[in-house]
Amino acid sequence: MDLIDIILSASFWTAAIRIASPLIFATLGELICERAGVLNLGIEGIMVAGAFAGWMAVYSGLDLWSGVAVAFFVGVCFGLIHSLLTVPFGLSQHVVGLGVTLLATSLTYYAYRLALPEVTTPPKIEAFQPYQVPVLSDIPLIGPALFAQTPLTYLAFALAGVVALVLYRTPLGLALRAAGENPGAVAAQGLSVNGIRMGAVMVGSGLMAVGGAFLTMSAFDSFFFEMVNGRGWICIALVVFGAWKPGKALLGAILFAAFDALQIRMQQTPIGAVIPYQVFLMTPYILSILALVVMSRRAEIPAALMVPWNKGER
């Protein structure tokens, strides 16, 4: 009965949507990269850098939306590094991605200590506050969950629609998908495969950084290094779970967030007093792995994913 009560409560779904929001940003970013043929394993470090950059920009005096823009720009810069090494130079996407994660995390730590050398407790900022959409927020269960969130959550859901529209309804989206499926066909049309791939990685990395900035500017109001806590790796799995489609990836992010919100609440039930809390902590990951195994069997990976492109090849 406790489980049913939790699932049917508005507070549960409100928390699930809030937890899903940074995952949506980062998953869409990774999806754009992979659709163009580039696996971006720098996502974890880019999210950390974005979380710090956005928070630090606001702490230094900029407004919240300017902080989001700063985070996006920082992500684009790391995306440029990643794409330069993997696309024109054809270096291993696995190695470069892990290197970018280490670089972004280390630079963030250095910048934090440089900017706040004597601080033991991270300062707080005035973060985004929930905005209740008139009328819609009064709908039982759905209203508080979907229409009483912060502006960045609304932006995350809007971006899912924009990405889907661009990928499947515009020439740019067609070219981007072709770069990840048949780059030879892109080159035959006189388009630059490398240019499309680099642009996709840069934009995708910018969205990853905004996902990190959500944590410091919407979910919380300060920065600490453990806050990303593996979300980047989850987002890579969500891309596979969503079969490289924005809509399914969005649902996957909400599903994982629901598992996460559920385990937090289950710890507070009588069952939580008997079962060690570590069991609840690993539950969302176990369920996500099972769902990933089921969905990935039917997923069609982009044919040219992680395949370097050399001009003149077919």
Protein backbone atom coordinates (compact mmCIF):
# COMPACT_ATOMS: atom_id res chain seq x y z
CA MET A 1 0.00 0.00 0.00
CA ASP A 2 2.89 2.34 0.74
CA LEU A 3 4.24 1.83 -2.77
CA ILE A 4 0.87 2.61 -4.39
CA ASP A 5 0.41 5.70 -2.24
CA ILE A 6 3.86 6.95 -3.22
CA ILE A 7 3.34 6.41 -6.94
CA LEU A 8 -0.07 8.11 -6.89
CA SER A 9 1.18 11.18 -5.03
CA ALA A 10 1.78 14.49 -6.80
CA SER A 11 4.96 15.13 -4.80
CA PHE A 12 6.50 11.92 -6.16
CA TRP A 13 6.02 12.89 -9.79
CA THR A 14 7.06 16.48 -9.09
CA ALA A 15 10.35 15.15 -7.72
CA ALA A 16 10.72 12.70 -10.63
CA ILE A 17 10.36 15.46 -13.23
CA ARG A 18 12.83 17.64 -11.33
CA ILE A 19 15.37 14.80 -11.14
CA ALA A 20 14.85 14.05 -14.85
CA SER A 21 15.49 17.62 -16.02
CA PRO A 22 19.32 17.62 -15.98
CA LEU A 23 19.27 14.14 -17.52
CA ILE A 24 17.10 15.43 -20.38
CA PHE A 25 19.56 18.21 -21.23
CA ALA A 26 22.59 15.93 -21.15
CA THR A 27 20.87 13.02 -22.91
CA LEU A 28 19.78 15.28 -25.77
CA GLY A 29 23.35 16.57 -26.02
CA GLU A 30 24.79 13.07 -26.18
CA LEU A 31 22.11 12.02 -28.67
CA ILE A 32 23.04 14.87 -31.03
CA CYS A 33 26.71 13.87 -30.86
CA GLU A 34 26.03 10.19 -31.51
CA ARG A 35 23.52 10.88 -34.28
CA ALA A 36 26.35 12.66 -36.07
CA GLY A 37 28.68 9.68 -35.55
CA VAL A 38 30.67 10.79 -32.48
CA LEU A 39 30.57 9.11 -29.06
CA ASN A 40 31.18 11.78 -26.43
CA LEU A 41 32.48 10.22 -23.22
CA GLY A 42 33.45 13.67 -21.98
CA ILE A 43 29.87 14.16 -20.78
CA GLU A 44 30.57 13.59 -17.09
CA GLY A 45 33.34 16.17 -16.89
CA ILE A 46 31.47 18.63 -19.12
CA MET A 47 28.49 18.48 -16.75
CA VAL A 48 30.79 19.22 -13.80
CA ALA A 49 32.33 22.17 -15.65
CA GLY A 50 28.89 23.47 -16.64
CA ALA A 51 27.62 23.18 -13.08
CA PHE A 52 30.54 25.22 -11.79
CA ALA A 53 30.61 27.78 -14.63
CA GLY A 54 26.93 28.65 -14.37
CA TRP A 55 27.02 28.85 -10.58
CA MET A 56 30.21 30.91 -10.54
CA ALA A 57 28.88 33.32 -13.16
CA VAL A 58 25.78 34.02 -11.05
CA TYR A 59 27.84 34.24 -7.85
CA SER A 60 30.05 36.81 -9.61
CA GLY A 61 27.07 39.05 -10.36
CA LEU A 62 25.45 37.86 -13.60
CA ASP A 63 21.76 37.04 -13.80
CA LEU A 64 20.54 33.44 -13.93
CA TRP A 65 19.96 33.23 -17.68
CA SER A 66 23.40 34.72 -18.32
CA GLY A 67 24.76 31.97 -16.06
CA VAL A 68 23.03 29.39 -18.25
CA ALA A 69 24.60 31.01 -21.33
CA VAL A 70 28.05 30.90 -19.70
CA ALA A 71 27.60 27.21 -18.89
CA PHE A 72 26.56 26.51 -22.49
CA PHE A 73 29.61 28.38 -23.81
CA VAL A 74 31.95 26.41 -21.53
CA GLY A 75 30.41 23.19 -22.80
CA VAL A 76 30.89 24.32 -26.39
CA CYS A 77 34.58 24.98 -25.68
CA PHE A 78 35.10 21.45 -24.35
CA GLY A 79 33.11 20.15 -27.30
CA LEU A 80 35.48 21.98 -29.60
CA ILE A 81 38.46 20.26 -27.97
CA HIS A 82 36.77 16.87 -28.23
CA SER A 83 35.69 17.33 -31.83
CA LEU A 84 39.05 18.66 -33.00
CA LEU A 85 40.83 15.59 -31.69
CA THR A 86 38.28 12.99 -32.79
CA VAL A 87 36.87 14.30 -36.08
CA PRO A 88 39.63 15.79 -38.29
CA PHE A 89 42.46 13.98 -36.49
CA GLY A 90 40.55 10.73 -36.05
CA LEU A 91 41.84 9.92 -32.57
CA SER A 92 40.08 7.32 -30.43
CA GLN A 93 36.73 8.70 -29.29
CA HIS A 94 36.90 6.59 -26.14
CA VAL A 95 40.31 7.88 -25.09
CA VAL A 96 39.60 11.50 -26.00
CA GLY A 97 36.24 11.43 -24.22
CA LEU A 98 37.74 10.13 -21.00
CA GLY A 99 40.54 12.67 -21.36
CA VAL A 100 38.03 15.50 -21.72
CA THR A 101 36.22 14.29 -18.59
CA LEU A 102 39.48 14.33 -16.62
CA LEU A 103 40.48 17.71 -18.09
CA ALA A 104 37.11 19.35 -17.38
CA THR A 105 36.95 17.98 -13.84
CA SER A 106 40.53 18.99 -13.04
CA LEU A 107 40.17 22.49 -14.51
CA THR A 108 36.97 22.96 -12.54
CA TYR A 109 38.69 21.95 -9.31
CA TYR A 110 41.59 24.32 -10.07
CA ALA A 111 39.26 27.21 -10.94
CA TYR A 112 37.22 26.64 -7.79
CA ARG A 113 40.30 26.70 -5.55
CA LEU A 114 41.68 29.70 -7.41
CA ALA A 115 38.46 31.70 -7.11
CA LEU A 116 37.59 30.63 -3.55
CA PRO A 117 40.84 29.62 -1.85
CA GLU A 118 39.69 30.10 1.74
CA VAL A 119 36.13 28.84 1.43
CA THR A 120 35.22 25.60 3.20
CA THR A 121 31.46 25.77 2.59
CA PRO A 122 30.34 26.63 -0.97
CA PRO A 123 28.54 30.00 -1.11
CA LYS A 124 24.89 30.05 -2.10
CA ILE A 125 23.19 31.88 -4.94
CA GLU A 126 19.59 32.86 -5.63
CA ALA A 127 18.57 29.95 -7.85
CA PHE A 128 15.65 29.58 -10.26
CA GLN A 129 12.34 29.32 -8.43
CA PRO A 130 9.36 27.17 -9.45
CA TYR A 131 6.83 28.92 -11.67
CA GLN A 132 3.25 27.71 -11.54
CA VAL A 133 1.50 27.87 -14.90
CA PRO A 134 -1.96 29.34 -14.29
CA VAL A 135 -4.85 26.85 -14.51
CA LEU A 136 -2.63 23.98 -15.70
CA SER A 137 -0.82 23.70 -12.37
CA ASP A 138 -4.17 23.06 -10.67
CA ILE A 139 -4.78 19.81 -12.55
CA PRO A 140 -4.64 16.93 -10.02
CA LEU A 141 -1.40 14.93 -10.03
CA ILE A 142 -0.25 16.09 -13.48
CA GLY A 143 -0.47 19.80 -12.74
CA PRO A 144 2.07 20.06 -9.89
CA ALA A 145 4.40 17.59 -11.64
CA LEU A 146 4.54 19.27 -15.05
CA PHE A 147 3.39 22.85 -14.53
CA ALA A 148 4.90 23.90 -11.19
CA GLN A 149 8.57 23.52 -12.05
CA THR A 150 11.47 25.91 -12.57
CA PRO A 151 12.00 27.59 -15.97
CA LEU A 152 14.93 25.28 -16.78
CA THR A 153 12.65 22.25 -16.54
CA TYR A 154 10.26 23.81 -19.04
CA LEU A 155 13.25 24.55 -21.26
CA ALA A 156 14.41 20.93 -21.06
CA PHE A 157 11.06 19.60 -22.27
CA ALA A 158 10.84 22.27 -24.97
CA LEU A 159 14.31 21.36 -26.21
CA ALA A 160 13.28 17.72 -26.57
CA GLY A 161 10.61 18.85 -29.02
CA VAL A 162 12.99 21.21 -30.81
CA VAL A 163 15.66 18.52 -31.22
CA ALA A 164 13.10 16.05 -32.57
CA LEU A 165 11.76 18.68 -34.98
CA VAL A 166 15.22 19.61 -36.24
CA LEU A 167 16.38 16.00 -36.61
CA TYR A 168 13.34 14.77 -38.54
CA ARG A 169 11.82 17.82 -40.21
CA THR A 170 14.72 19.97 -41.42
CA PRO A 171 17.55 19.64 -43.99
CA LEU A 172 20.04 20.25 -41.18
CA GLY A 173 18.67 17.30 -39.23
CA LEU A 174 18.79 15.11 -42.32
CA ALA A 175 22.42 16.04 -42.92
CA LEU A 176 23.29 15.41 -39.27
CA ARG A 177 21.66 11.97 -39.26
CA ALA A 178 23.32 11.12 -42.56
CA ALA A 179 26.71 12.07 -41.09
CA GLY A 180 26.18 9.32 -38.55
CA GLU A 181 24.72 6.80 -40.97
CA ASN A 182 26.33 7.35 -44.38
CA PRO A 183 28.91 10.13 -44.36
CA GLY A 184 29.82 9.35 -47.97
CA ALA A 185 26.36 10.47 -49.05
CA VAL A 186 26.83 13.73 -47.16
CA ALA A 187 30.14 14.39 -48.88
CA ALA A 188 28.58 13.55 -52.26
CA GLN A 189 26.12 16.41 -51.70
CA GLY A 190 29.01 18.83 -51.27
CA LEU A 191 28.59 19.12 -47.51
CA SER A 192 31.39 18.89 -44.96
CA VAL A 193 31.11 15.72 -42.89
CA ASN A 194 33.73 16.99 -40.47
CA GLY A 195 32.01 20.35 -40.15
CA ILE A 196 28.65 18.76 -39.37
CA ARG A 197 30.18 16.39 -36.84
CA MET A 198 32.18 19.08 -35.11
CA GLY A 199 29.16 21.38 -34.92
CA ALA A 200 27.04 18.56 -33.48
CA VAL A 201 29.61 17.77 -30.79
CA MET A 202 29.94 21.42 -29.83
CA VAL A 203 26.20 22.02 -29.56
CA GLY A 204 25.69 18.67 -27.81
CA SER A 205 28.43 19.46 -25.31
CA GLY A 206 26.81 22.83 -24.65
CA LEU A 207 23.55 21.07 -23.73
CA MET A 208 25.47 18.69 -21.45
CA ALA A 209 26.93 21.69 -19.62
CA VAL A 210 23.47 23.22 -19.21
CA GLY A 211 22.39 19.91 -17.69
CA GLY A 212 25.16 20.34 -15.14
CA ALA A 213 24.18 23.97 -14.57
CA PHE A 214 20.64 22.83 -13.74
CA LEU A 215 22.02 21.16 -10.63
CA THR A 216 23.59 24.34 -9.24
CA MET A 217 21.05 26.87 -10.52
CA SER A 218 17.73 25.05 -10.24
CA ALA A 219 17.95 21.85 -8.16
CA PHE A 220 20.35 23.35 -5.60
CA ASP A 221 21.83 26.79 -4.95
CA SER A 222 25.51 25.96 -4.51
CA PHE A 223 28.27 23.86 -6.06
CA PHE A 224 30.05 20.76 -4.81
CA PHE A 225 32.13 18.32 -6.82
CA GLU A 226 30.11 15.17 -6.14
CA MET A 227 26.83 16.64 -7.35
CA VAL A 228 26.94 15.19 -10.88
CA ASN A 229 27.53 11.78 -9.34
CA GLY A 230 27.61 9.63 -12.48
CA ARG A 231 24.64 11.26 -14.21
CA GLY A 232 26.72 11.65 -17.37
CA TRP A 233 27.23 7.90 -17.71
CA ILE A 234 23.52 7.35 -17.11
CA CYS A 235 22.76 9.72 -19.99
CA ILE A 236 24.91 7.67 -22.35
CA ALA A 237 22.85 4.63 -21.42
CA LEU A 238 19.63 6.62 -21.88
CA VAL A 239 20.58 7.38 -25.48
CA VAL A 240 20.82 3.66 -26.16
CA PHE A 241 17.61 3.03 -24.20
CA GLY A 242 15.87 5.64 -26.36
CA ALA A 243 17.17 4.03 -29.57
CA TRP A 244 18.76 7.37 -30.51
CA LYS A 245 15.33 9.03 -30.67
CA PRO A 246 14.59 12.19 -28.63
CA GLY A 247 11.09 11.15 -27.57
CA LYS A 248 12.10 7.75 -26.26
CA ALA A 249 15.20 9.21 -24.61
CA LEU A 250 12.96 11.74 -22.83
CA LEU A 251 10.76 8.94 -21.52
CA GLY A 252 13.86 7.02 -20.45
CA ALA A 253 15.10 9.99 -18.44
CA ILE A 254 11.73 10.29 -16.68
CA LEU A 255 11.69 6.54 -16.01
CA PHE A 256 15.13 6.57 -14.39
CA ALA A 257 14.22 9.68 -12.39
CA ALA A 258 11.04 7.95 -11.19
CA PHE A 259 13.12 4.98 -10.00
CA ASP A 260 15.45 7.39 -8.21
CA ALA A 261 12.62 9.33 -6.58
CA LEU A 262 10.99 6.05 -5.55
CA GLN A 263 14.06 4.68 -3.80
CA ILE A 264 14.40 7.89 -1.77
CA ARG A 265 10.84 7.56 -0.53
CA MET A 266 11.06 3.81 0.05
CA GLN A 267 13.88 4.42 2.52
CA GLN A 268 11.40 6.35 4.67
CA THR A 269 8.83 3.52 4.81
CA PRO A 270 8.74 0.64 7.35
CA ILE A 271 10.52 -1.49 4.74
CA GLY A 272 13.38 1.00 4.78
CA ALA A 273 13.94 0.28 8.46
CA VAL A 274 14.60 -3.38 7.67
CA ILE A 275 16.44 -3.32 4.35
CA PRO A 276 19.89 -1.59 4.19
CA TYR A 277 19.69 1.77 2.42
CA GLN A 278 22.38 0.67 -0.07
CA VAL A 279 19.83 -1.71 -1.60
CA PHE A 280 17.53 1.20 -2.35
CA LEU A 281 20.38 3.28 -3.75
CA MET A 282 21.30 0.64 -6.31
CA THR A 283 17.67 -0.18 -7.26
CA PRO A 284 17.27 2.55 -9.94
CA TYR A 285 20.50 1.45 -11.61
CA ILE A 286 19.52 -2.23 -11.60
CA LEU A 287 16.08 -1.47 -13.03
CA SER A 288 17.63 0.85 -15.62
CA ILE A 289 20.10 -1.83 -16.69
CA LEU A 290 17.28 -4.33 -17.12
CA ALA A 291 15.27 -1.84 -19.14
CA LEU A 292 18.36 -1.01 -21.20
CA VAL A 293 18.97 -4.68 -21.99
CA VAL A 294 15.39 -5.13 -23.16
CA MET A 295 15.28 -1.97 -25.28
CA SER A 296 18.79 -2.21 -26.75
CA ARG A 297 18.03 -5.55 -28.38
CA ARG A 298 15.74 -3.75 -30.81
CA ALA A 299 17.75 -0.55 -31.16
CA GLU A 300 19.52 0.29 -34.41
CA ILE A 301 22.84 1.96 -33.72
CA PRO A 302 23.91 4.70 -36.19
CA ALA A 303 25.95 2.84 -38.80
CA ALA A 304 28.89 5.26 -38.76
CA LEU A 305 29.04 5.83 -35.00
CA MET A 306 32.70 6.00 -33.90
CA VAL A 307 33.83 5.50 -37.52
CA PRO A 308 36.32 8.24 -38.53
CA TRP A 309 35.69 9.95 -41.85
CA ASN A 310 38.49 10.56 -44.30
CA LYS A 311 37.74 12.70 -47.31
CA GLY A 312 37.62 10.62 -50.47
CA GLU A 313 36.39 7.47 -48.75
CA ARG A 314 33.09 5.86 -49.71
